Amino acid sequence: MILKGRMILKDWATVTTPPSPDPPDAGRPSREELDRLVRDRIANWREQPRGLACAVIAAFMILTTAAFVFAVVAVVGAMG
């Protein structure tokens, strides 16, 4: 029922999408296949923390070395 160009709740309830003729899983890979694809594409979760830890340690070493060099340059500059 439409009143002055507006639809009431009853009319909205009858507006639906027709069902698809295809089954819900037509053409989609299985869950096991998706899991295998993700494992093949992304490294194993056990390998990720090792890489992250390596990057953090390397960054700390570089920044510590740079700070030490700047400190030595500042001390030598202050003495001369």
N, C-alpha and C. Protein backbone atom coordinates (compact mmCIF):
# COMPACT_ATOMS: atom_id res chain seq x y z
N MET A 1 0.84 -1.17 0.00
CA MET A 1 0.00 0.00 0.00
C MET A 1 0.90 1.24 0.00
N ILE A 2 0.64 2.16 -0.89
CA ILE A 2 1.42 3.39 -1.00
C ILE A 2 0.51 4.56 -0.63
N LEU A 3 0.98 5.35 0.33
CA LEU A 3 0.24 6.53 0.75
C LEU A 3 1.01 7.77 0.35
N LYS A 4 0.48 8.53 -0.58
CA LYS A 4 1.08 9.79 -1.03
C LYS A 4 2.55 9.61 -1.41
N GLY A 5 2.85 8.59 -2.21
CA GLY A 5 4.21 8.40 -2.69
C GLY A 5 5.14 7.72 -1.70
N ARG A 6 4.66 7.30 -0.56
CA ARG A 6 5.51 6.65 0.44
C ARG A 6 5.12 5.19 0.58
N MET A 7 6.11 4.36 0.77
CA MET A 7 5.83 2.95 0.99
C MET A 7 5.76 2.70 2.49
N ILE A 8 4.82 1.89 2.90
CA ILE A 8 4.74 1.55 4.32
C ILE A 8 5.52 0.27 4.56
N LEU A 9 5.68 -0.09 5.82
CA LEU A 9 6.51 -1.23 6.20
C LEU A 9 6.06 -2.53 5.52
N LYS A 10 4.78 -2.70 5.36
CA LYS A 10 4.26 -3.92 4.73
C LYS A 10 4.77 -4.05 3.30
N ASP A 11 4.86 -2.93 2.58
CA ASP A 11 5.35 -2.97 1.20
C ASP A 11 6.84 -3.29 1.16
N TRP A 12 7.61 -2.75 2.11
CA TRP A 12 9.04 -3.03 2.13
C TRP A 12 9.31 -4.50 2.43
N ALA A 13 8.45 -5.13 3.21
CA ALA A 13 8.64 -6.53 3.57
C ALA A 13 8.46 -7.44 2.36
N THR A 14 7.74 -7.01 1.34
CA THR A 14 7.51 -7.86 0.18
C THR A 14 8.58 -7.69 -0.90
N VAL A 15 9.48 -6.71 -0.73
CA VAL A 15 10.54 -6.50 -1.71
C VAL A 15 11.70 -7.42 -1.35
N THR A 16 11.92 -8.45 -2.15
CA THR A 16 13.00 -9.40 -1.87
C THR A 16 13.78 -9.66 -3.14
N THR A 17 14.96 -10.21 -2.96
CA THR A 17 15.80 -10.60 -4.09
C THR A 17 15.42 -12.03 -4.46
N PRO A 18 15.22 -12.31 -5.73
CA PRO A 18 14.87 -13.68 -6.11
C PRO A 18 16.04 -14.62 -5.82
N PRO A 19 15.76 -15.86 -5.49
CA PRO A 19 16.85 -16.79 -5.19
C PRO A 19 17.70 -17.06 -6.42
N SER A 20 18.98 -17.31 -6.19
CA SER A 20 19.91 -17.60 -7.27
C SER A 20 19.69 -19.02 -7.77
N PRO A 21 19.78 -19.25 -9.09
CA PRO A 21 19.62 -20.62 -9.60
C PRO A 21 20.82 -21.50 -9.29
N ASP A 22 21.98 -20.89 -8.99
CA ASP A 22 23.18 -21.65 -8.69
C ASP A 22 23.18 -22.08 -7.23
N PRO A 23 23.79 -23.22 -6.91
CA PRO A 23 23.93 -23.59 -5.50
C PRO A 23 24.87 -22.60 -4.82
N PRO A 24 24.76 -22.44 -3.50
CA PRO A 24 25.56 -21.43 -2.79
C PRO A 24 27.07 -21.58 -2.95
N ASP A 25 27.56 -22.80 -3.12
CA ASP A 25 29.01 -23.00 -3.22
C ASP A 25 29.47 -23.29 -4.65
N ALA A 26 28.70 -22.92 -5.63
CA ALA A 26 29.07 -23.18 -7.02
C ALA A 26 30.28 -22.35 -7.42
N GLY A 27 31.32 -23.01 -7.89
CA GLY A 27 32.50 -22.31 -8.37
C GLY A 27 33.42 -21.78 -7.29
N ARG A 28 33.12 -22.05 -6.04
CA ARG A 28 33.96 -21.56 -4.95
C ARG A 28 34.85 -22.69 -4.46
N PRO A 29 36.10 -22.37 -4.09
CA PRO A 29 36.98 -23.42 -3.55
C PRO A 29 36.52 -23.84 -2.16
N SER A 30 36.87 -25.04 -1.78
CA SER A 30 36.50 -25.55 -0.46
C SER A 30 37.32 -24.83 0.61
N ARG A 31 36.89 -24.99 1.85
CA ARG A 31 37.59 -24.36 2.97
C ARG A 31 39.03 -24.89 3.07
N GLU A 32 39.19 -26.18 2.84
CA GLU A 32 40.53 -26.78 2.92
C GLU A 32 41.44 -26.20 1.83
N GLU A 33 40.89 -26.01 0.63
CA GLU A 33 41.69 -25.44 -0.45
C GLU A 33 42.07 -23.99 -0.15
N LEU A 34 41.13 -23.23 0.42
CA LEU A 34 41.44 -21.85 0.79
C LEU A 34 42.54 -21.80 1.85
N ASP A 35 42.45 -22.69 2.85
CA ASP A 35 43.48 -22.74 3.89
C ASP A 35 44.85 -23.06 3.29
N ARG A 36 44.88 -24.01 2.34
CA ARG A 36 46.15 -24.37 1.71
C ARG A 36 46.71 -23.20 0.91
N LEU A 37 45.84 -22.49 0.19
CA LEU A 37 46.30 -21.33 -0.59
C LEU A 37 46.88 -20.25 0.31
N VAL A 38 46.23 -20.01 1.44
CA VAL A 38 46.74 -18.99 2.37
C VAL A 38 48.08 -19.42 2.94
N ARG A 39 48.20 -20.71 3.31
CA ARG A 39 49.47 -21.20 3.85
C ARG A 39 50.58 -21.11 2.82
N ASP A 40 50.26 -21.37 1.55
CA ASP A 40 51.28 -21.30 0.50
C ASP A 40 51.70 -19.86 0.23
N ARG A 41 50.77 -18.93 0.30
CA ARG A 41 51.05 -17.54 -0.04
C ARG A 41 51.70 -16.78 1.12
N ILE A 42 51.27 -17.05 2.34
CA ILE A 42 51.77 -16.34 3.52
C ILE A 42 52.63 -17.30 4.32
N ALA A 43 53.72 -16.79 4.87
CA ALA A 43 54.62 -17.64 5.65
C ALA A 43 53.89 -18.20 6.86
N ASN A 44 54.40 -19.28 7.33
CA ASN A 44 53.84 -19.91 8.52
C ASN A 44 53.91 -18.93 9.68
N TRP A 45 52.92 -18.96 10.56
CA TRP A 45 52.86 -17.97 11.64
C TRP A 45 54.06 -18.07 12.57
N ARG A 46 54.70 -19.24 12.64
CA ARG A 46 55.88 -19.39 13.51
C ARG A 46 57.09 -18.66 12.95
N GLU A 47 57.13 -18.44 11.65
CA GLU A 47 58.28 -17.78 11.03
C GLU A 47 58.18 -16.26 11.13
N GLN A 48 57.00 -15.72 11.28
CA GLN A 48 56.83 -14.27 11.28
C GLN A 48 57.47 -13.59 12.49
N PRO A 49 57.29 -14.07 13.73
CA PRO A 49 57.93 -13.38 14.86
C PRO A 49 59.45 -13.38 14.75
N ARG A 50 60.02 -14.43 14.18
CA ARG A 50 61.47 -14.49 14.04
C ARG A 50 61.95 -13.36 13.13
N GLY A 51 61.26 -13.13 12.02
CA GLY A 51 61.63 -12.05 11.11
C GLY A 51 61.43 -10.69 11.74
N LEU A 52 60.35 -10.53 12.49
CA LEU A 52 60.08 -9.26 13.17
C LEU A 52 61.14 -8.99 14.22
N ALA A 53 61.49 -9.99 15.00
CA ALA A 53 62.52 -9.82 16.02
C ALA A 53 63.86 -9.45 15.38
N CYS A 54 64.17 -10.07 14.27
CA CYS A 54 65.42 -9.75 13.57
C CYS A 54 65.42 -8.30 13.11
N ALA A 55 64.30 -7.83 12.59
CA ALA A 55 64.22 -6.44 12.13
C ALA A 55 64.34 -5.46 13.30
N VAL A 56 63.72 -5.78 14.42
CA VAL A 56 63.80 -4.90 15.60
C VAL A 56 65.22 -4.85 16.13
N ILE A 57 65.89 -5.98 16.22
CA ILE A 57 67.27 -6.02 16.71
C ILE A 57 68.20 -5.27 15.76
N ALA A 58 68.02 -5.44 14.46
CA ALA A 58 68.86 -4.73 13.49
C ALA A 58 68.65 -3.22 13.59
N ALA A 59 67.41 -2.79 13.73
CA ALA A 59 67.14 -1.35 13.86
C ALA A 59 67.76 -0.80 15.14
N PHE A 60 67.67 -1.55 16.24
CA PHE A 60 68.28 -1.12 17.50
C PHE A 60 69.80 -1.00 17.36
N MET A 61 70.42 -1.96 16.69
CA MET A 61 71.87 -1.91 16.51
C MET A 61 72.28 -0.71 15.66
N ILE A 62 71.55 -0.44 14.60
CA ILE A 62 71.88 0.69 13.73
C ILE A 62 71.72 2.01 14.47
N LEU A 63 70.61 2.16 15.19
CA LEU A 63 70.39 3.41 15.92
C LEU A 63 71.39 3.60 17.06
N THR A 64 71.74 2.51 17.74
CA THR A 64 72.74 2.60 18.81
C THR A 64 74.11 3.00 18.25
N THR A 65 74.49 2.41 17.13
CA THR A 65 75.76 2.76 16.49
C THR A 65 75.78 4.21 16.06
N ALA A 66 74.69 4.68 15.46
CA ALA A 66 74.62 6.08 15.02
C ALA A 66 74.71 7.02 16.22
N ALA A 67 74.03 6.69 17.32
CA ALA A 67 74.09 7.54 18.52
C ALA A 67 75.50 7.57 19.09
N PHE A 68 76.19 6.44 19.10
CA PHE A 68 77.56 6.40 19.60
C PHE A 68 78.49 7.25 18.73
N VAL A 69 78.34 7.16 17.42
CA VAL A 69 79.17 7.96 16.51
C VAL A 69 78.91 9.44 16.73
N PHE A 70 77.65 9.84 16.84
CA PHE A 70 77.35 11.25 17.08
C PHE A 70 77.90 11.72 18.43
N ALA A 71 77.86 10.86 19.45
CA ALA A 71 78.40 11.23 20.76
C ALA A 71 79.91 11.43 20.68
N VAL A 72 80.61 10.54 19.97
CA VAL A 72 82.06 10.68 19.82
C VAL A 72 82.39 11.95 19.06
N VAL A 73 81.66 12.24 17.99
CA VAL A 73 81.90 13.46 17.22
C VAL A 73 81.65 14.69 18.09
N ALA A 74 80.63 14.67 18.92
CA ALA A 74 80.33 15.82 19.79
C ALA A 74 81.42 16.02 20.84
N VAL A 75 81.91 14.92 21.41
CA VAL A 75 82.97 15.04 22.43
C VAL A 75 84.26 15.54 21.78
N VAL A 76 84.62 15.00 20.62
CA VAL A 76 85.83 15.45 19.94
C VAL A 76 85.69 16.91 19.53
N GLY A 77 84.51 17.30 19.08
CA GLY A 77 84.28 18.70 18.69
C GLY A 77 84.33 19.64 19.88
N ALA A 78 83.89 19.20 21.05
CA ALA A 78 83.91 20.05 22.24
C ALA A 78 85.33 20.19 22.79
N MET A 79 86.17 19.21 22.56
CA MET A 79 87.54 19.27 23.07
C MET A 79 88.43 20.17 22.21
N GLY A 80 88.08 20.32 20.95
CA GLY A 80 88.97 21.06 20.06
C GLY A 80 88.64 22.46 19.83
